[in-house]
Amino acid sequence: MSVDIAIFDLDDVLCRYDLGARLRALSRISGKMPRDIRAALWDSGFEDAADAGRYQTAEEYLAEFASRLGHEITRDEWIEARRASIVPWPDMLALIRRIAAHRRVALFTNNGPLMKEGLAQIFPEAAEIFGADCYFSFEFLTKKPNPESYRRLIGRLGIEAGKAWFTDDKKSNVEGARIAGLQAHHFVSHDVLRQEAVRLQLTAA
């Protein structure tokens, strides 16, 4: 089936996600130990709940983040710590720009409202490529790999599921997309993704 839109995950597809760097940045802000920060914010399930839509505004999310961190944190500090976790992959960004010359492209990531509001500061290259077609799991009140998250995304996009091609680094997320009827690619490298994009006639070799 032909592809009308190519949809991409964010972390570990467009960039390397370095949680350790983010934890160290939050440690400098709060004076807390990185392992304690991880326990309070990640191992506790807070970030998963945020990705799934528990907090619908950036203000609500940031207030709870600060409460669990045990230290006041500003929006700019949160954004700076999140930006520290991203190492962009220029070859992937260039490939998606080439695909965008021929097809609609979109971003779909498991993230909450502050990431949505701050994307242009955190990862300006991604914000520039995808424009308004940036979608965050919290908006759909569920997260990948739940097939319903993809169905709600497809509904928002106004397209047929079978004409969407989705790429993610996590196999479970790829399987969830396939269950929802999307074509899907498990990302392992730029070269393999490029070959698949060429096969689908999304870009020239």
N, C-alpha and C. Protein backbone atom coordinates (compact mmCIF):
# COMPACT_ATOMS: atom_id res chain seq x y z
N MET A 1 0.85 -1.20 0.00
CA MET A 1 0.00 0.00 0.00
C MET A 1 0.88 1.24 0.00
N SER A 2 0.43 2.27 -0.68
CA SER A 2 1.19 3.51 -0.74
C SER A 2 1.22 4.20 0.62
N VAL A 3 2.16 5.10 0.78
CA VAL A 3 2.34 5.83 2.04
C VAL A 3 2.02 7.31 1.80
N ASP A 4 1.07 7.83 2.58
CA ASP A 4 0.71 9.24 2.49
C ASP A 4 1.42 10.09 3.55
N ILE A 5 1.80 9.44 4.65
CA ILE A 5 2.45 10.17 5.74
C ILE A 5 3.47 9.26 6.42
N ALA A 6 4.63 9.82 6.74
CA ALA A 6 5.67 9.11 7.49
C ALA A 6 5.73 9.72 8.89
N ILE A 7 5.56 8.88 9.90
CA ILE A 7 5.48 9.32 11.29
C ILE A 7 6.68 8.78 12.05
N PHE A 8 7.33 9.63 12.81
CA PHE A 8 8.57 9.24 13.48
C PHE A 8 8.49 9.48 14.99
N ASP A 9 9.06 8.54 15.73
CA ASP A 9 9.32 8.73 17.15
C ASP A 9 10.42 9.79 17.30
N LEU A 10 10.62 10.26 18.51
CA LEU A 10 11.63 11.29 18.77
C LEU A 10 12.93 10.71 19.34
N ASP A 11 12.92 10.37 20.62
CA ASP A 11 14.14 9.92 21.29
C ASP A 11 14.62 8.58 20.73
N ASP A 12 15.90 8.51 20.45
CA ASP A 12 16.56 7.32 19.93
C ASP A 12 16.12 6.96 18.52
N VAL A 13 15.49 7.93 17.84
CA VAL A 13 15.24 7.84 16.40
C VAL A 13 15.81 9.09 15.72
N LEU A 14 15.45 10.26 16.22
CA LEU A 14 15.99 11.52 15.70
C LEU A 14 17.24 11.96 16.45
N CYS A 15 17.45 11.38 17.61
CA CYS A 15 18.55 11.80 18.47
C CYS A 15 18.85 10.68 19.46
N ARG A 16 19.99 10.76 20.09
CA ARG A 16 20.27 9.87 21.20
C ARG A 16 19.71 10.50 22.47
N TYR A 17 18.95 9.70 23.22
CA TYR A 17 18.40 10.20 24.48
C TYR A 17 19.30 9.74 25.61
N ASP A 18 19.84 10.70 26.37
CA ASP A 18 20.77 10.42 27.46
C ASP A 18 20.11 10.79 28.78
N LEU A 19 19.44 9.81 29.39
CA LEU A 19 18.77 10.07 30.67
C LEU A 19 19.78 10.44 31.74
N GLY A 20 20.97 9.84 31.70
CA GLY A 20 21.99 10.16 32.69
C GLY A 20 22.35 11.62 32.67
N ALA A 21 22.50 12.20 31.48
CA ALA A 21 22.81 13.63 31.38
C ALA A 21 21.68 14.47 31.95
N ARG A 22 20.46 14.04 31.71
CA ARG A 22 19.31 14.78 32.26
C ARG A 22 19.28 14.70 33.77
N LEU A 23 19.54 13.52 34.31
CA LEU A 23 19.57 13.37 35.76
C LEU A 23 20.67 14.21 36.40
N ARG A 24 21.82 14.26 35.75
CA ARG A 24 22.92 15.08 36.28
C ARG A 24 22.56 16.56 36.25
N ALA A 25 21.88 16.99 35.19
CA ALA A 25 21.45 18.40 35.12
C ALA A 25 20.44 18.70 36.22
N LEU A 26 19.51 17.79 36.45
CA LEU A 26 18.53 17.99 37.53
C LEU A 26 19.20 17.95 38.89
N SER A 27 20.25 17.15 39.01
CA SER A 27 21.01 17.10 40.26
C SER A 27 21.68 18.44 40.56
N ARG A 28 22.23 19.05 39.54
CA ARG A 28 22.86 20.38 39.73
C ARG A 28 21.83 21.42 40.14
N ILE A 29 20.64 21.31 39.61
CA ILE A 29 19.57 22.26 39.94
C ILE A 29 19.07 22.06 41.37
N SER A 30 18.88 20.80 41.75
CA SER A 30 18.19 20.50 43.01
C SER A 30 19.09 20.14 44.17
N GLY A 31 20.32 19.73 43.88
CA GLY A 31 21.20 19.23 44.93
C GLY A 31 20.91 17.80 45.34
N LYS A 32 19.97 17.16 44.66
CA LYS A 32 19.63 15.76 44.96
C LYS A 32 20.55 14.82 44.18
N MET A 33 20.67 13.59 44.66
CA MET A 33 21.47 12.59 43.97
C MET A 33 20.71 12.09 42.73
N PRO A 34 21.42 11.86 41.61
CA PRO A 34 20.74 11.36 40.40
C PRO A 34 19.90 10.12 40.64
N ARG A 35 20.39 9.17 41.44
CA ARG A 35 19.63 7.94 41.66
C ARG A 35 18.31 8.23 42.40
N ASP A 36 18.34 9.23 43.29
CA ASP A 36 17.13 9.59 44.02
C ASP A 36 16.13 10.30 43.12
N ILE A 37 16.65 11.10 42.20
CA ILE A 37 15.79 11.78 41.23
C ILE A 37 15.11 10.75 40.33
N ARG A 38 15.89 9.79 39.87
CA ARG A 38 15.31 8.75 39.01
C ARG A 38 14.22 7.98 39.75
N ALA A 39 14.48 7.66 41.00
CA ALA A 39 13.49 6.93 41.78
C ALA A 39 12.20 7.73 41.95
N ALA A 40 12.33 9.03 42.20
CA ALA A 40 11.17 9.87 42.47
C ALA A 40 10.34 10.16 41.22
N LEU A 41 11.01 10.30 40.08
CA LEU A 41 10.33 10.77 38.88
C LEU A 41 10.10 9.70 37.82
N TRP A 42 10.98 8.75 37.73
CA TRP A 42 10.86 7.72 36.69
C TRP A 42 10.42 6.38 37.28
N ASP A 43 11.16 5.88 38.24
CA ASP A 43 10.83 4.57 38.79
C ASP A 43 9.48 4.58 39.52
N SER A 44 9.04 5.74 39.95
CA SER A 44 7.77 5.86 40.66
C SER A 44 6.56 5.75 39.75
N GLY A 45 6.78 5.87 38.43
CA GLY A 45 5.67 5.86 37.49
C GLY A 45 5.13 7.24 37.15
N PHE A 46 5.70 8.29 37.75
CA PHE A 46 5.21 9.64 37.49
C PHE A 46 5.32 10.01 36.02
N GLU A 47 6.50 9.79 35.42
CA GLU A 47 6.68 10.19 34.02
C GLU A 47 5.79 9.36 33.10
N ASP A 48 5.61 8.09 33.40
CA ASP A 48 4.69 7.27 32.60
C ASP A 48 3.27 7.83 32.67
N ALA A 49 2.86 8.20 33.86
CA ALA A 49 1.51 8.76 34.02
C ALA A 49 1.37 10.08 33.27
N ALA A 50 2.42 10.89 33.30
CA ALA A 50 2.39 12.15 32.57
C ALA A 50 2.28 11.91 31.07
N ASP A 51 3.05 10.95 30.57
CA ASP A 51 2.98 10.62 29.14
C ASP A 51 1.59 10.14 28.75
N ALA A 52 0.89 9.50 29.68
CA ALA A 52 -0.43 8.94 29.40
C ALA A 52 -1.55 9.95 29.65
N GLY A 53 -1.21 11.19 29.95
CA GLY A 53 -2.22 12.25 30.02
C GLY A 53 -2.72 12.61 31.39
N ARG A 54 -2.03 12.17 32.45
CA ARG A 54 -2.47 12.50 33.81
C ARG A 54 -2.45 14.00 34.05
N TYR A 55 -1.55 14.71 33.43
CA TYR A 55 -1.43 16.16 33.59
C TYR A 55 -1.63 16.80 32.21
N GLN A 56 -2.65 17.63 32.10
CA GLN A 56 -3.01 18.16 30.79
C GLN A 56 -2.45 19.56 30.51
N THR A 57 -1.84 20.19 31.53
CA THR A 57 -1.21 21.48 31.30
C THR A 57 0.24 21.42 31.76
N ALA A 58 1.06 22.26 31.14
CA ALA A 58 2.47 22.32 31.52
C ALA A 58 2.62 22.77 32.97
N GLU A 59 1.75 23.66 33.41
CA GLU A 59 1.85 24.18 34.77
C GLU A 59 1.55 23.10 35.80
N GLU A 60 0.53 22.31 35.53
CA GLU A 60 0.17 21.22 36.44
C GLU A 60 1.28 20.18 36.48
N TYR A 61 1.79 19.85 35.33
CA TYR A 61 2.88 18.87 35.25
C TYR A 61 4.11 19.36 36.00
N LEU A 62 4.52 20.61 35.76
CA LEU A 62 5.74 21.13 36.37
C LEU A 62 5.60 21.22 37.89
N ALA A 63 4.42 21.58 38.38
CA ALA A 63 4.20 21.65 39.83
C ALA A 63 4.38 20.28 40.47
N GLU A 64 3.84 19.24 39.83
CA GLU A 64 3.98 17.89 40.38
C GLU A 64 5.42 17.40 40.25
N PHE A 65 6.07 17.75 39.14
CA PHE A 65 7.48 17.40 38.94
C PHE A 65 8.32 17.98 40.08
N ALA A 66 8.11 19.26 40.40
CA ALA A 66 8.86 19.91 41.47
C ALA A 66 8.56 19.28 42.82
N SER A 67 7.29 18.94 43.05
CA SER A 67 6.91 18.32 44.32
C SER A 67 7.63 16.99 44.52
N ARG A 68 7.67 16.19 43.46
CA ARG A 68 8.32 14.89 43.56
C ARG A 68 9.84 15.02 43.60
N LEU A 69 10.36 16.03 42.94
CA LEU A 69 11.79 16.30 42.99
C LEU A 69 12.21 16.78 44.37
N GLY A 70 11.28 17.42 45.07
CA GLY A 70 11.59 17.98 46.39
C GLY A 70 12.36 19.27 46.30
N HIS A 71 12.17 19.98 45.16
CA HIS A 71 12.91 21.23 44.95
C HIS A 71 12.18 22.03 43.88
N GLU A 72 12.03 23.32 44.11
CA GLU A 72 11.41 24.17 43.10
C GLU A 72 12.26 24.18 41.83
N ILE A 73 11.59 24.11 40.71
CA ILE A 73 12.29 24.13 39.43
C ILE A 73 11.48 24.99 38.46
N THR A 74 12.16 25.87 37.75
CA THR A 74 11.47 26.75 36.81
C THR A 74 11.28 26.04 35.48
N ARG A 75 10.40 26.60 34.68
CA ARG A 75 10.18 26.07 33.33
C ARG A 75 11.49 26.06 32.55
N ASP A 76 12.26 27.15 32.64
CA ASP A 76 13.52 27.23 31.89
C ASP A 76 14.53 26.21 32.38
N GLU A 77 14.55 25.94 33.68
CA GLU A 77 15.47 24.93 34.21
C GLU A 77 15.08 23.54 33.73
N TRP A 78 13.77 23.27 33.71
CA TRP A 78 13.31 21.97 33.23
C TRP A 78 13.70 21.79 31.76
N ILE A 79 13.49 22.84 30.97
CA ILE A 79 13.81 22.78 29.55
C ILE A 79 15.31 22.59 29.34
N GLU A 80 16.11 23.27 30.12
CA GLU A 80 17.56 23.13 29.99
C GLU A 80 18.01 21.70 30.32
N ALA A 81 17.42 21.10 31.35
CA ALA A 81 17.77 19.72 31.69
C ALA A 81 17.32 18.76 30.61
N ARG A 82 16.14 19.00 30.04
CA ARG A 82 15.65 18.13 28.96
C ARG A 82 16.53 18.28 27.71
N ARG A 83 16.94 19.49 27.44
CA ARG A 83 17.81 19.72 26.28
C ARG A 83 19.15 19.03 26.45
N ALA A 84 19.62 18.93 27.69
CA ALA A 84 20.89 18.26 27.95
C ALA A 84 20.84 16.77 27.62
N SER A 85 19.64 16.21 27.55
CA SER A 85 19.49 14.78 27.29
C SER A 85 19.50 14.43 25.81
N ILE A 86 19.49 15.43 24.95
CA ILE A 86 19.34 15.20 23.52
C ILE A 86 20.65 15.43 22.78
N VAL A 87 21.05 14.42 22.00
CA VAL A 87 22.19 14.54 21.09
C VAL A 87 21.65 14.29 19.69
N PRO A 88 21.37 15.34 18.92
CA PRO A 88 20.75 15.16 17.60
C PRO A 88 21.61 14.30 16.67
N TRP A 89 20.93 13.56 15.80
CA TRP A 89 21.59 12.76 14.77
C TRP A 89 21.40 13.45 13.42
N PRO A 90 22.41 14.18 12.94
CA PRO A 90 22.26 14.95 11.69
C PRO A 90 21.84 14.11 10.50
N ASP A 91 22.33 12.86 10.39
CA ASP A 91 21.98 12.05 9.23
C ASP A 91 20.49 11.70 9.23
N MET A 92 19.92 11.46 10.41
CA MET A 92 18.49 11.18 10.49
C MET A 92 17.67 12.42 10.16
N LEU A 93 18.09 13.56 10.67
CA LEU A 93 17.36 14.80 10.39
C LEU A 93 17.40 15.11 8.90
N ALA A 94 18.54 14.86 8.27
CA ALA A 94 18.66 15.12 6.83
C ALA A 94 17.77 14.17 6.05
N LEU A 95 17.71 12.90 6.44
CA LEU A 95 16.86 11.93 5.76
C LEU A 95 15.39 12.32 5.86
N ILE A 96 14.96 12.73 7.03
CA ILE A 96 13.55 13.11 7.19
C ILE A 96 13.24 14.37 6.41
N ARG A 97 14.18 15.28 6.32
CA ARG A 97 13.96 16.45 5.46
C ARG A 97 13.76 16.03 4.00
N ARG A 98 14.53 15.02 3.56
CA ARG A 98 14.36 14.56 2.17
C ARG A 98 13.00 13.91 1.99
N ILE A 99 12.58 13.12 2.97
CA ILE A 99 11.24 12.51 2.89
C ILE A 99 10.16 13.59 2.88
N ALA A 100 10.36 14.63 3.70
CA ALA A 100 9.37 15.72 3.80
C ALA A 100 9.21 16.49 2.50
N ALA A 101 10.19 16.38 1.61
CA ALA A 101 10.08 17.03 0.31
C ALA A 101 9.07 16.33 -0.59
N HIS A 102 8.71 15.08 -0.23
CA HIS A 102 7.82 14.28 -1.07
C HIS A 102 6.54 13.85 -0.36
N ARG A 103 6.57 13.78 0.97
CA ARG A 103 5.43 13.29 1.73
C ARG A 103 5.23 14.14 2.98
N ARG A 104 4.03 14.07 3.49
CA ARG A 104 3.75 14.67 4.80
C ARG A 104 4.51 13.87 5.85
N VAL A 105 5.09 14.55 6.81
CA VAL A 105 5.79 13.89 7.91
C VAL A 105 5.22 14.39 9.23
N ALA A 106 5.29 13.54 10.25
CA ALA A 106 4.78 13.90 11.57
C ALA A 106 5.65 13.28 12.64
N LEU A 107 5.58 13.86 13.82
CA LEU A 107 6.27 13.37 15.01
C LEU A 107 5.23 12.82 15.97
N PHE A 108 5.50 11.63 16.54
CA PHE A 108 4.63 11.08 17.58
C PHE A 108 5.50 10.49 18.67
N THR A 109 5.47 11.11 19.84
CA THR A 109 6.36 10.75 20.93
C THR A 109 5.61 10.59 22.24
N ASN A 110 6.07 9.66 23.07
CA ASN A 110 5.55 9.54 24.43
C ASN A 110 6.16 10.65 25.27
N ASN A 111 5.41 11.71 25.46
CA ASN A 111 5.86 12.84 26.27
C ASN A 111 4.66 13.64 26.74
N GLY A 112 4.92 14.52 27.70
CA GLY A 112 3.86 15.30 28.32
C GLY A 112 3.76 16.72 27.81
N PRO A 113 2.95 17.55 28.48
CA PRO A 113 2.62 18.88 27.97
C PRO A 113 3.78 19.87 27.95
N LEU A 114 4.72 19.76 28.88
CA LEU A 114 5.82 20.72 28.87
C LEU A 114 6.78 20.44 27.72
N MET A 115 6.94 19.18 27.37
CA MET A 115 7.75 18.85 26.20
C MET A 115 7.12 19.41 24.94
N LYS A 116 5.80 19.33 24.84
CA LYS A 116 5.10 19.89 23.69
C LYS A 116 5.33 21.40 23.61
N GLU A 117 5.13 22.08 24.73
CA GLU A 117 5.30 23.54 24.73
C GLU A 117 6.75 23.95 24.48
N GLY A 118 7.69 23.15 24.96
CA GLY A 118 9.10 23.56 24.89
C GLY A 118 9.89 22.97 23.75
N LEU A 119 9.25 22.23 22.84
CA LEU A 119 10.00 21.52 21.81
C LEU A 119 10.91 22.45 20.99
N ALA A 120 10.44 23.62 20.65
CA ALA A 120 11.24 24.52 19.83
C ALA A 120 12.52 24.95 20.53
N GLN A 121 12.50 24.98 21.85
CA GLN A 121 13.71 25.30 22.62
C GLN A 121 14.56 24.06 22.87
N ILE A 122 13.90 22.94 23.07
CA ILE A 122 14.61 21.71 23.43
C ILE A 122 15.26 21.06 22.22
N PHE A 123 14.53 21.01 21.12
CA PHE A 123 15.00 20.32 19.91
C PHE A 123 14.51 21.12 18.71
N PRO A 124 15.12 22.28 18.45
CA PRO A 124 14.62 23.17 17.40
C PRO A 124 14.61 22.55 16.01
N GLU A 125 15.55 21.64 15.75
CA GLU A 125 15.58 21.01 14.42
C GLU A 125 14.31 20.19 14.18
N ALA A 126 13.88 19.46 15.20
CA ALA A 126 12.65 18.67 15.07
C ALA A 126 11.44 19.57 14.91
N ALA A 127 11.38 20.62 15.70
CA ALA A 127 10.25 21.55 15.60
C ALA A 127 10.17 22.16 14.21
N GLU A 128 11.31 22.45 13.63
CA GLU A 128 11.35 23.07 12.29
C GLU A 128 10.90 22.08 11.22
N ILE A 129 11.33 20.83 11.31
CA ILE A 129 10.98 19.83 10.30
C ILE A 129 9.49 19.51 10.32
N PHE A 130 8.93 19.28 11.50
CA PHE A 130 7.56 18.77 11.59
C PHE A 130 6.50 19.85 11.71
N GLY A 131 6.89 21.04 12.11
CA GLY A 131 5.92 22.13 12.20
C GLY A 131 4.75 21.80 13.10
N ALA A 132 3.55 21.97 12.58
CA ALA A 132 2.34 21.73 13.38
C ALA A 132 2.07 20.24 13.58
N ASP A 133 2.72 19.38 12.78
CA ASP A 133 2.46 17.95 12.88
C ASP A 133 3.35 17.29 13.94
N CYS A 134 3.33 17.82 15.14
CA CYS A 134 4.03 17.27 16.30
C CYS A 134 2.97 16.82 17.30
N TYR A 135 2.97 15.55 17.63
CA TYR A 135 1.93 14.98 18.48
C TYR A 135 2.56 14.26 19.67
N PHE A 136 1.94 14.45 20.82
CA PHE A 136 2.48 13.97 22.08
C PHE A 136 1.44 13.09 22.76
N SER A 137 1.89 11.97 23.30
CA SER A 137 0.96 10.96 23.81
C SER A 137 -0.04 11.51 24.82
N PHE A 138 0.37 12.46 25.64
CA PHE A 138 -0.53 12.96 26.68
C PHE A 138 -1.82 13.52 26.08
N GLU A 139 -1.72 14.02 24.84
CA GLU A 139 -2.90 14.60 24.18
C GLU A 139 -3.99 13.56 23.93
N PHE A 140 -3.60 12.29 23.85
CA PHE A 140 -4.53 11.23 23.51
C PHE A 140 -4.94 10.39 24.72
N LEU A 141 -4.49 10.80 25.90
CA LEU A 141 -4.86 10.16 27.17
C LEU A 141 -4.44 8.69 27.24
N THR A 142 -3.45 8.35 26.48
CA THR A 142 -2.84 7.03 26.52
C THR A 142 -1.51 7.14 25.80
N LYS A 143 -0.69 6.11 25.87
CA LYS A 143 0.64 6.21 25.30
C LYS A 143 0.98 4.97 24.49
N LYS A 144 1.99 5.10 23.66
CA LYS A 144 2.52 3.93 22.96
C LYS A 144 3.03 2.93 24.02
N PRO A 145 2.83 1.64 23.82
CA PRO A 145 2.39 0.96 22.60
C PRO A 145 0.90 0.66 22.51
N ASN A 146 0.07 1.24 23.36
CA ASN A 146 -1.37 0.98 23.30
C ASN A 146 -1.89 1.29 21.89
N PRO A 147 -2.48 0.31 21.20
CA PRO A 147 -2.98 0.59 19.85
C PRO A 147 -3.95 1.75 19.78
N GLU A 148 -4.66 2.01 20.87
CA GLU A 148 -5.62 3.11 20.88
C GLU A 148 -4.91 4.46 20.69
N SER A 149 -3.67 4.57 21.17
CA SER A 149 -2.95 5.83 20.98
C SER A 149 -2.74 6.13 19.50
N TYR A 150 -2.48 5.09 18.72
CA TYR A 150 -2.29 5.28 17.28
C TYR A 150 -3.62 5.56 16.58
N ARG A 151 -4.66 4.89 17.02
CA ARG A 151 -5.97 5.15 16.42
C ARG A 151 -6.39 6.60 16.65
N ARG A 152 -6.13 7.10 17.84
CA ARG A 152 -6.49 8.50 18.12
C ARG A 152 -5.61 9.45 17.33
N LEU A 153 -4.35 9.10 17.17
CA LEU A 153 -3.45 9.92 16.34
C LEU A 153 -3.95 9.95 14.90
N ILE A 154 -4.27 8.79 14.34
CA ILE A 154 -4.74 8.72 12.96
C ILE A 154 -6.02 9.52 12.79
N GLY A 155 -6.89 9.46 13.79
CA GLY A 155 -8.10 10.27 13.74
C GLY A 155 -7.79 11.75 13.71
N ARG A 156 -6.82 12.17 14.50
CA ARG A 156 -6.41 13.57 14.51
C ARG A 156 -5.81 13.98 13.15
N LEU A 157 -5.04 13.07 12.57
CA LEU A 157 -4.39 13.37 11.30
C LEU A 157 -5.38 13.35 10.13
N GLY A 158 -6.47 12.63 10.29
CA GLY A 158 -7.46 12.56 9.23
C GLY A 158 -7.02 11.73 8.04
N ILE A 159 -6.35 10.61 8.30
CA ILE A 159 -5.86 9.76 7.23
C ILE A 159 -6.26 8.31 7.48
N GLU A 160 -6.08 7.45 6.47
CA GLU A 160 -6.30 6.02 6.64
C GLU A 160 -5.08 5.42 7.34
N ALA A 161 -5.33 4.56 8.31
CA ALA A 161 -4.23 3.96 9.06
C ALA A 161 -3.25 3.24 8.15
N GLY A 162 -3.74 2.53 7.16
CA GLY A 162 -2.89 1.75 6.28
C GLY A 162 -1.99 2.56 5.39
N LYS A 163 -2.25 3.86 5.30
CA LYS A 163 -1.42 4.73 4.47
C LYS A 163 -0.41 5.52 5.30
N ALA A 164 -0.30 5.17 6.57
CA ALA A 164 0.68 5.78 7.47
C ALA A 164 1.83 4.81 7.71
N TRP A 165 3.04 5.33 7.70
CA TRP A 165 4.24 4.53 7.96
C TRP A 165 4.89 5.09 9.21
N PHE A 166 5.00 4.26 10.24
CA PHE A 166 5.47 4.70 11.55
C PHE A 166 6.80 4.06 11.88
N THR A 167 7.72 4.84 12.44
CA THR A 167 9.05 4.36 12.82
C THR A 167 9.30 4.61 14.29
N ASP A 168 9.77 3.58 15.00
CA ASP A 168 10.08 3.69 16.43
C ASP A 168 11.22 2.75 16.75
N ASP A 169 12.01 3.10 17.77
CA ASP A 169 13.13 2.24 18.16
C ASP A 169 12.70 1.08 19.05
N LYS A 170 11.50 1.14 19.62
CA LYS A 170 11.04 0.09 20.52
C LYS A 170 10.13 -0.88 19.76
N LYS A 171 10.46 -2.17 19.82
CA LYS A 171 9.66 -3.17 19.12
C LYS A 171 8.22 -3.17 19.58
N SER A 172 7.99 -2.97 20.87
CA SER A 172 6.61 -2.99 21.38
C SER A 172 5.79 -1.87 20.76
N ASN A 173 6.40 -0.70 20.55
CA ASN A 173 5.69 0.41 19.93
C ASN A 173 5.39 0.14 18.46
N VAL A 174 6.31 -0.52 17.79
CA VAL A 174 6.08 -0.91 16.40
C VAL A 174 4.92 -1.89 16.32
N GLU A 175 4.88 -2.87 17.22
CA GLU A 175 3.80 -3.85 17.22
C GLU A 175 2.46 -3.19 17.51
N GLY A 176 2.44 -2.25 18.44
CA GLY A 176 1.20 -1.53 18.73
C GLY A 176 0.68 -0.79 17.52
N ALA A 177 1.59 -0.19 16.75
CA ALA A 177 1.19 0.52 15.54
C ALA A 177 0.62 -0.45 14.51
N ARG A 178 1.25 -1.60 14.37
CA ARG A 178 0.76 -2.59 13.40
C ARG A 178 -0.62 -3.11 13.78
N ILE A 179 -0.83 -3.33 15.07
CA ILE A 179 -2.16 -3.77 15.52
C ILE A 179 -3.22 -2.74 15.15
N ALA A 180 -2.84 -1.46 15.22
CA ALA A 180 -3.78 -0.37 14.88
C ALA A 180 -3.93 -0.19 13.37
N GLY A 181 -3.19 -0.97 12.58
CA GLY A 181 -3.36 -0.92 11.14
C GLY A 181 -2.34 -0.11 10.37
N LEU A 182 -1.36 0.47 11.08
CA LEU A 182 -0.33 1.26 10.40
C LEU A 182 0.74 0.34 9.82
N GLN A 183 1.39 0.79 8.78
CA GLN A 183 2.65 0.19 8.37
C GLN A 183 3.69 0.67 9.38
N ALA A 184 4.65 -0.17 9.71
CA ALA A 184 5.58 0.24 10.77
C ALA A 184 6.96 -0.34 10.54
N HIS A 185 7.96 0.39 11.02
CA HIS A 185 9.36 0.04 10.85
C HIS A 185 10.06 0.10 12.21
N HIS A 186 10.77 -0.97 12.56
CA HIS A 186 11.57 -0.97 13.78
C HIS A 186 12.92 -0.33 13.48
N PHE A 187 13.17 0.80 14.09
CA PHE A 187 14.41 1.54 13.82
C PHE A 187 15.60 0.91 14.50
N VAL A 188 16.60 0.60 13.71
CA VAL A 188 17.87 0.10 14.25
C VAL A 188 19.05 0.93 13.78
N SER A 189 18.91 1.59 12.62
CA SER A 189 19.99 2.43 12.13
C SER A 189 19.48 3.33 11.01
N HIS A 190 20.23 4.39 10.76
CA HIS A 190 19.92 5.29 9.66
C HIS A 190 19.93 4.55 8.34
N ASP A 191 20.94 3.72 8.11
CA ASP A 191 21.09 3.06 6.81
C ASP A 191 19.93 2.13 6.51
N VAL A 192 19.50 1.36 7.51
CA VAL A 192 18.38 0.44 7.29
C VAL A 192 17.10 1.23 7.04
N LEU A 193 16.89 2.29 7.79
CA LEU A 193 15.71 3.13 7.58
C LEU A 193 15.73 3.76 6.20
N ARG A 194 16.88 4.23 5.76
CA ARG A 194 16.99 4.85 4.44
C ARG A 194 16.63 3.85 3.34
N GLN A 195 17.13 2.63 3.49
CA GLN A 195 16.82 1.60 2.50
C GLN A 195 15.32 1.32 2.42
N GLU A 196 14.66 1.29 3.58
CA GLU A 196 13.22 1.06 3.60
C GLU A 196 12.48 2.24 3.00
N ALA A 197 12.93 3.46 3.28
CA ALA A 197 12.31 4.65 2.70
C ALA A 197 12.44 4.66 1.17
N VAL A 198 13.58 4.21 0.68
CA VAL A 198 13.78 4.12 -0.77
C VAL A 198 12.83 3.07 -1.35
N ARG A 199 12.72 1.92 -0.69
CA ARG A 199 11.83 0.86 -1.17
C ARG A 199 10.39 1.34 -1.25
N LEU A 200 9.98 2.16 -0.30
CA LEU A 200 8.62 2.69 -0.28
C LEU A 200 8.46 3.93 -1.17
N GLN A 201 9.53 4.29 -1.84
CA GLN A 201 9.53 5.45 -2.76
C GLN A 201 9.24 6.76 -2.04
N LEU A 202 9.75 6.85 -0.81
CA LEU A 202 9.61 8.08 -0.04
C LEU A 202 10.77 9.04 -0.29
N THR A 203 11.87 8.51 -0.80
CA THR A 203 13.03 9.32 -1.12
C THR A 203 13.86 8.57 -2.15
N ALA A 204 14.69 9.30 -2.84
CA ALA A 204 15.59 8.67 -3.82
C ALA A 204 16.79 8.08 -3.08
N ALA A 205 17.43 7.13 -3.72
CA ALA A 205 18.62 6.51 -3.14
C ALA A 205 19.73 7.50 -2.94
